[in-house]
């Protein structure tokens, strides 16, 4: 199968390509062209679409793996490839835009790691999604960022396994890395439920 939805065209001779570097660059170009104000609906929507578009690409890889279209090794390679595109250092002249893109990248970190963990080992089974999120928030409070990320990633594997992420749990925790990471998992949950391409033009 060659996926034409994620990047608008088949990959350059590759058997699978779910997200092209060009696509990410198109989003960055749009951000560079806009006078972004996250308080304005149009700007906020652009950033959400950018984040959701990446989550959709991840969801398509997971779906292809679950359906037996690609094996675990190919899925892991594709997830790594997309992660390296999206989480690479961004060159934008406007510092405010750069900060906003950094926020999107931060939110997407656990999306990639949860997907990679799911492909490698399946869903975590020691707790429910909300319990992992609360444990992550506790770890962040104790300045144990690695543990906090680990818990969010475990929560993400359960989201991929079709467990519900109730965003009300975010209201229980202080704003910080964990709340940003959980925002990324919310995008992944939406993408898994409705993997429709977000148009970047």
C-alpha atoms as a PDB file:
ATOM      1  CA  UNK A   1       0.000   0.000   0.000  1.00  0.00           C
ATOM      2  CA  UNK A   2       1.181   3.510  -0.756  1.00  0.00           C
ATOM      3  CA  UNK A   3      -0.499   6.096   1.441  1.00  0.00           C
ATOM      4  CA  UNK A   4      -1.476   9.157  -0.558  1.00  0.00           C
ATOM      5  CA  UNK A   5      -3.426  10.856   2.227  1.00  0.00           C
ATOM      6  CA  UNK A   6      -0.647  11.821   4.599  1.00  0.00           C
ATOM      7  CA  UNK A   7       1.462  13.823   2.199  1.00  0.00           C
ATOM      8  CA  UNK A   8      -0.644  14.204  -0.928  1.00  0.00           C
ATOM      9  CA  UNK A   9       1.570  11.942  -3.058  1.00  0.00           C
ATOM     10  CA  UNK A  10       3.210   8.545  -2.853  1.00  0.00           C
ATOM     11  CA  UNK A  11       6.614   8.469  -1.199  1.00  0.00           C
ATOM     12  CA  UNK A  12       9.661   8.758  -3.428  1.00  0.00           C
ATOM     13  CA  UNK A  13       9.787   5.143  -4.473  1.00  0.00           C
ATOM     14  CA  UNK A  14       9.285   3.971  -0.914  1.00  0.00           C
ATOM     15  CA  UNK A  15       6.856   1.196  -0.124  1.00  0.00           C
ATOM     16  CA  UNK A  16       5.420   3.317   2.675  1.00  0.00           C
ATOM     17  CA  UNK A  17       5.520   6.999   3.375  1.00  0.00           C
ATOM     18  CA  UNK A  18       3.013   8.421   5.787  1.00  0.00           C
ATOM     19  CA  UNK A  19       4.442  11.903   6.222  1.00  0.00           C
ATOM     20  CA  UNK A  20       6.855  13.838   4.035  1.00  0.00           C
ATOM     21  CA  UNK A  21       9.377  16.425   5.139  1.00  0.00           C
ATOM     22  CA  UNK A  22       7.772  18.734   2.583  1.00  0.00           C
ATOM     23  CA  UNK A  23       4.498  18.572   4.474  1.00  0.00           C
ATOM     24  CA  UNK A  24       6.065  19.693   7.748  1.00  0.00           C
ATOM     25  CA  UNK A  25       7.885  22.473   5.902  1.00  0.00           C
ATOM     26  CA  UNK A  26       4.595  23.613   4.344  1.00  0.00           C
ATOM     27  CA  UNK A  27       3.134  24.037   7.823  1.00  0.00           C
ATOM     28  CA  UNK A  28       6.224  25.939   8.976  1.00  0.00           C
ATOM     29  CA  UNK A  29       5.972  28.213   5.936  1.00  0.00           C
ATOM     30  CA  UNK A  30       2.357  28.964   6.817  1.00  0.00           C
ATOM     31  CA  UNK A  31       3.349  29.781  10.388  1.00  0.00           C
ATOM     32  CA  UNK A  32       6.129  32.050   9.112  1.00  0.00           C
ATOM     33  CA  UNK A  33       3.665  33.877   6.856  1.00  0.00           C
ATOM     34  CA  UNK A  34       1.108  34.448   9.620  1.00  0.00           C
ATOM     35  CA  UNK A  35       1.159  37.017  12.377  1.00  0.00           C
ATOM     36  CA  UNK A  36       0.290  34.452  15.017  1.00  0.00           C
ATOM     37  CA  UNK A  37      -1.589  35.321  18.154  1.00  0.00           C
ATOM     38  CA  UNK A  38      -2.564  32.210  20.150  1.00  0.00           C
ATOM     39  CA  UNK A  39      -5.378  34.222  21.737  1.00  0.00           C
ATOM     40  CA  UNK A  40      -7.027  34.547  18.318  1.00  0.00           C
ATOM     41  CA  UNK A  41      -9.110  31.649  17.046  1.00  0.00           C
ATOM     42  CA  UNK A  42      -7.545  31.533  13.577  1.00  0.00           C
ATOM     43  CA  UNK A  43      -3.991  31.348  14.932  1.00  0.00           C
ATOM     44  CA  UNK A  44      -4.937  28.773  17.545  1.00  0.00           C
ATOM     45  CA  UNK A  45      -6.655  26.690  14.866  1.00  0.00           C
ATOM     46  CA  UNK A  46      -3.554  26.729  12.661  1.00  0.00           C
ATOM     47  CA  UNK A  47      -1.414  25.388  15.511  1.00  0.00           C
ATOM     48  CA  UNK A  48      -3.991  22.746  16.417  1.00  0.00           C
ATOM     49  CA  UNK A  49      -4.233  21.647  12.776  1.00  0.00           C
ATOM     50  CA  UNK A  50      -0.465  21.395  12.526  1.00  0.00           C
ATOM     51  CA  UNK A  51      -0.367  19.202  15.643  1.00  0.00           C
ATOM     52  CA  UNK A  52      -3.352  17.098  14.603  1.00  0.00           C
ATOM     53  CA  UNK A  53      -1.900  16.537  11.135  1.00  0.00           C
ATOM     54  CA  UNK A  54       1.198  14.949  12.632  1.00  0.00           C
ATOM     55  CA  UNK A  55      -0.889  12.854  15.009  1.00  0.00           C
ATOM     56  CA  UNK A  56      -2.911  11.612  12.035  1.00  0.00           C
ATOM     57  CA  UNK A  57       0.273  10.448  10.313  1.00  0.00           C
ATOM     58  CA  UNK A  58       1.227   8.529  13.468  1.00  0.00           C
ATOM     59  CA  UNK A  59      -2.279   7.029  13.648  1.00  0.00           C
ATOM     60  CA  UNK A  60      -1.985   5.857  10.038  1.00  0.00           C
ATOM     61  CA  UNK A  61       1.283   4.072  10.805  1.00  0.00           C
ATOM     62  CA  UNK A  62      -0.302   2.379  13.816  1.00  0.00           C
ATOM     63  CA  UNK A  63      -3.323   1.376  11.756  1.00  0.00           C
ATOM     64  CA  UNK A  64      -1.129  -0.067   9.004  1.00  0.00           C
ATOM     65  CA  UNK A  65       0.788  -2.050  11.623  1.00  0.00           C
ATOM     66  CA  UNK A  66      -2.362  -3.317  13.370  1.00  0.00           C
ATOM     67  CA  UNK A  67      -3.825  -4.336  10.000  1.00  0.00           C
ATOM     68  CA  UNK A  68      -0.683  -6.288   9.087  1.00  0.00           C
ATOM     69  CA  UNK A  69       0.157  -4.004   6.170  1.00  0.00           C
ATOM     70  CA  UNK A  70       3.596  -3.288   7.658  1.00  0.00           C
ATOM     71  CA  UNK A  71       5.528  -5.239  10.267  1.00  0.00           C
ATOM     72  CA  UNK A  72       6.810  -3.934  13.597  1.00  0.00           C
ATOM     73  CA  UNK A  73      10.248  -3.096  12.222  1.00  0.00           C
ATOM     74  CA  UNK A  74       8.848  -1.059   9.334  1.00  0.00           C
ATOM     75  CA  UNK A  75       6.394   0.716  11.648  1.00  0.00           C
ATOM     76  CA  UNK A  76       9.164   1.599  14.091  1.00  0.00           C
ATOM     77  CA  UNK A  77      11.350   2.922  11.274  1.00  0.00           C
ATOM     78  CA  UNK A  78       8.499   5.030   9.910  1.00  0.00           C
ATOM     79  CA  UNK A  79       7.663   6.461  13.338  1.00  0.00           C
ATOM     80  CA  UNK A  80      11.316   7.326  13.887  1.00  0.00           C
ATOM     81  CA  UNK A  81      11.493   8.992  10.481  1.00  0.00           C
ATOM     82  CA  UNK A  82       8.426  11.147  11.158  1.00  0.00           C
ATOM     83  CA  UNK A  83       9.675  11.995  14.662  1.00  0.00           C
ATOM     84  CA  UNK A  84      13.006  13.175  13.283  1.00  0.00           C
ATOM     85  CA  UNK A  85      11.220  15.430  10.782  1.00  0.00           C
ATOM     86  CA  UNK A  86       8.780  16.977  13.239  1.00  0.00           C
ATOM     87  CA  UNK A  87      11.015  17.303  16.293  1.00  0.00           C
ATOM     88  CA  UNK A  88      14.028  18.680  14.439  1.00  0.00           C
ATOM     89  CA  UNK A  89      15.244  22.175  15.261  1.00  0.00           C
ATOM     90  CA  UNK A  90      13.111  24.806  13.557  1.00  0.00           C
ATOM     91  CA  UNK A  91      14.525  27.893  11.892  1.00  0.00           C
ATOM     92  CA  UNK A  92      12.043  30.756  12.184  1.00  0.00           C
ATOM     93  CA  UNK A  93      12.974  34.429  12.386  1.00  0.00           C
ATOM     94  CA  UNK A  94      10.054  35.380  14.617  1.00  0.00           C
ATOM     95  CA  UNK A  95      10.726  34.363  18.211  1.00  0.00           C
ATOM     96  CA  UNK A  96       7.042  34.221  19.144  1.00  0.00           C
ATOM     97  CA  UNK A  97       6.304  31.844  16.263  1.00  0.00           C
ATOM     98  CA  UNK A  98       9.324  29.778  17.218  1.00  0.00           C
ATOM     99  CA  UNK A  99       8.011  29.504  20.766  1.00  0.00           C
ATOM    100  CA  UNK A 100       4.591  28.406  19.537  1.00  0.00           C
ATOM    101  CA  UNK A 101       6.092  25.713  17.288  1.00  0.00           C
ATOM    102  CA  UNK A 102       8.213  24.565  20.230  1.00  0.00           C
ATOM    103  CA  UNK A 103       4.987  24.122  22.194  1.00  0.00           C
ATOM    104  CA  UNK A 104       3.534  21.948  19.429  1.00  0.00           C
ATOM    105  CA  UNK A 105       6.711  19.871  19.287  1.00  0.00           C
ATOM    106  CA  UNK A 106       6.625  19.434  23.067  1.00  0.00           C
ATOM    107  CA  UNK A 107       3.039  18.189  22.911  1.00  0.00           C
ATOM    108  CA  UNK A 108       3.965  15.675  20.211  1.00  0.00           C
ATOM    109  CA  UNK A 109       6.919  14.109  22.065  1.00  0.00           C
ATOM    110  CA  UNK A 110       4.836  11.478  23.930  1.00  0.00           C
ATOM    111  CA  UNK A 111       2.780  10.799  20.795  1.00  0.00           C
ATOM    112  CA  UNK A 112       5.863   9.414  19.063  1.00  0.00           C
ATOM    113  CA  UNK A 113       7.237   7.595  22.079  1.00  0.00           C
ATOM    114  CA  UNK A 114       3.877   6.048  22.953  1.00  0.00           C
ATOM    115  CA  UNK A 115       3.453   4.842  19.374  1.00  0.00           C
ATOM    116  CA  UNK A 116       6.953   3.381  19.330  1.00  0.00           C
ATOM    117  CA  UNK A 117       6.393   1.694  22.697  1.00  0.00           C
ATOM    118  CA  UNK A 118       3.055   0.299  21.562  1.00  0.00           C
ATOM    119  CA  UNK A 119       4.569  -1.204  18.422  1.00  0.00           C
ATOM    120  CA  UNK A 120       7.448  -2.706  20.401  1.00  0.00           C
ATOM    121  CA  UNK A 121       5.608  -4.020  23.456  1.00  0.00           C
ATOM    122  CA  UNK A 122       1.888  -3.334  23.272  1.00  0.00           C
ATOM    123  CA  UNK A 123      -0.144  -1.304  25.779  1.00  0.00           C
ATOM    124  CA  UNK A 124       0.887  -0.772  29.382  1.00  0.00           C
ATOM    125  CA  UNK A 125      -1.400  -2.654  31.739  1.00  0.00           C
ATOM    126  CA  UNK A 126      -0.455  -1.547  35.249  1.00  0.00           C
ATOM    127  CA  UNK A 127      -2.918   1.349  35.525  1.00  0.00           C
ATOM    128  CA  UNK A 128      -5.674   3.294  33.778  1.00  0.00           C
ATOM    129  CA  UNK A 129      -4.978   6.332  31.611  1.00  0.00           C
ATOM    130  CA  UNK A 130      -5.979   8.877  34.269  1.00  0.00           C
ATOM    131  CA  UNK A 131      -3.835   7.114  36.892  1.00  0.00           C
ATOM    132  CA  UNK A 132      -0.776   7.357  34.664  1.00  0.00           C
ATOM    133  CA  UNK A 133      -1.468  11.058  34.063  1.00  0.00           C
ATOM    134  CA  UNK A 134      -1.783  11.742  37.790  1.00  0.00           C
ATOM    135  CA  UNK A 135       1.426   9.813  38.442  1.00  0.00           C
ATOM    136  CA  UNK A 136       3.128  11.895  35.751  1.00  0.00           C
ATOM    137  CA  UNK A 137       1.915  15.116  37.374  1.00  0.00           C
ATOM    138  CA  UNK A 138       3.245  13.944  40.747  1.00  0.00           C
ATOM    139  CA  UNK A 139       6.606  13.125  39.174  1.00  0.00           C
ATOM    140  CA  UNK A 140       6.749  16.554  37.529  1.00  0.00           C
ATOM    141  CA  UNK A 141       6.036  18.168  40.904  1.00  0.00           C
ATOM    142  CA  UNK A 142       9.061  16.284  42.225  1.00  0.00           C
ATOM    143  CA  UNK A 143      11.119  17.521  39.249  1.00  0.00           C
ATOM    144  CA  UNK A 144      11.493  13.982  37.879  1.00  0.00           C
ATOM    145  CA  UNK A 145      10.831  14.869  34.250  1.00  0.00           C
ATOM    146  CA  UNK A 146      12.002  11.512  32.879  1.00  0.00           C
ATOM    147  CA  UNK A 147       9.568   9.615  35.098  1.00  0.00           C
ATOM    148  CA  UNK A 148       6.790  12.052  34.206  1.00  0.00           C
ATOM    149  CA  UNK A 149       7.349  11.475  30.493  1.00  0.00           C
ATOM    150  CA  UNK A 150       7.467   7.730  31.065  1.00  0.00           C
ATOM    151  CA  UNK A 151       4.048   7.767  32.725  1.00  0.00           C
ATOM    152  CA  UNK A 152       2.544   9.887  29.941  1.00  0.00           C
ATOM    153  CA  UNK A 153       3.980   7.499  27.353  1.00  0.00           C
ATOM    154  CA  UNK A 154       2.378   4.579  29.213  1.00  0.00           C
ATOM    155  CA  UNK A 155      -0.913   6.470  29.205  1.00  0.00           C
ATOM    156  CA  UNK A 156      -0.448   6.951  25.471  1.00  0.00           C
ATOM    157  CA  UNK A 157      -0.075   3.237  24.817  1.00  0.00           C
ATOM    158  CA  UNK A 158      -3.437   2.712  26.484  1.00  0.00           C
ATOM    159  CA  UNK A 159      -4.999   5.470  24.387  1.00  0.00           C
ATOM    160  CA  UNK A 160      -3.705   3.669  21.293  1.00  0.00           C
ATOM    161  CA  UNK A 161      -5.284   0.478  22.674  1.00  0.00           C
ATOM    162  CA  UNK A 162      -8.636   2.323  22.644  1.00  0.00           C
ATOM    163  CA  UNK A 163      -8.822   3.365  26.289  1.00  0.00           C
ATOM    164  CA  UNK A 164     -10.488   6.730  26.798  1.00  0.00           C
ATOM    165  CA  UNK A 165      -8.471   9.809  27.715  1.00  0.00           C
ATOM    166  CA  UNK A 166     -10.845  12.106  29.582  1.00  0.00           C
ATOM    167  CA  UNK A 167      -9.347  15.586  29.303  1.00  0.00           C
ATOM    168  CA  UNK A 168     -11.027  16.532  32.583  1.00  0.00           C
ATOM    169  CA  UNK A 169      -7.963  14.980  34.210  1.00  0.00           C
ATOM    170  CA  UNK A 170      -5.947  17.983  32.991  1.00  0.00           C
ATOM    171  CA  UNK A 171      -8.086  20.227  35.190  1.00  0.00           C
ATOM    172  CA  UNK A 172      -6.780  18.290  38.180  1.00  0.00           C
ATOM    173  CA  UNK A 173      -3.120  19.049  37.534  1.00  0.00           C
ATOM    174  CA  UNK A 174      -1.023  22.188  37.354  1.00  0.00           C
ATOM    175  CA  UNK A 175      -0.107  23.598  33.959  1.00  0.00           C
ATOM    176  CA  UNK A 176       3.287  22.379  32.842  1.00  0.00           C
ATOM    177  CA  UNK A 177       5.004  19.755  30.734  1.00  0.00           C
ATOM    178  CA  UNK A 178       2.557  17.011  31.676  1.00  0.00           C
ATOM    179  CA  UNK A 179      -0.474  19.055  30.647  1.00  0.00           C
ATOM    180  CA  UNK A 180       1.235  19.864  27.322  1.00  0.00           C
ATOM    181  CA  UNK A 181       2.086  16.208  26.788  1.00  0.00           C
ATOM    182  CA  UNK A 182      -1.476  15.142  27.569  1.00  0.00           C
ATOM    183  CA  UNK A 183      -2.659  17.687  25.006  1.00  0.00           C
ATOM    184  CA  UNK A 184      -0.600  15.758  22.464  1.00  0.00           C
ATOM    185  CA  UNK A 185      -2.246  12.491  23.508  1.00  0.00           C
ATOM    186  CA  UNK A 186      -5.628  14.157  22.995  1.00  0.00           C
ATOM    187  CA  UNK A 187      -4.612  14.885  19.397  1.00  0.00           C
ATOM    188  CA  UNK A 188      -3.573  11.259  18.999  1.00  0.00           C
ATOM    189  CA  UNK A 189      -6.884  10.045  20.419  1.00  0.00           C
ATOM    190  CA  UNK A 190      -8.774  12.218  17.932  1.00  0.00           C
ATOM    191  CA  UNK A 191      -6.554  11.047  15.085  1.00  0.00           C
ATOM    192  CA  UNK A 192      -7.127   7.394  15.914  1.00  0.00           C
ATOM    193  CA  UNK A 193     -10.879   7.967  15.953  1.00  0.00           C
ATOM    194  CA  UNK A 194     -10.941  10.055  12.778  1.00  0.00           C
ATOM    195  CA  UNK A 195      -7.720   9.845  10.736  1.00  0.00           C
ATOM    196  CA  UNK A 196      -8.754  12.409   8.135  1.00  0.00           C
ATOM    197  CA  UNK A 197      -6.035  14.508   6.590  1.00  0.00           C
ATOM    198  CA  UNK A 198      -5.798  18.142   7.646  1.00  0.00           C
ATOM    199  CA  UNK A 199      -5.191  20.310   4.607  1.00  0.00           C
ATOM    200  CA  UNK A 200      -2.082  22.490   4.917  1.00  0.00           C
ATOM    201  CA  UNK A 201      -2.919  24.843   2.063  1.00  0.00           C
END
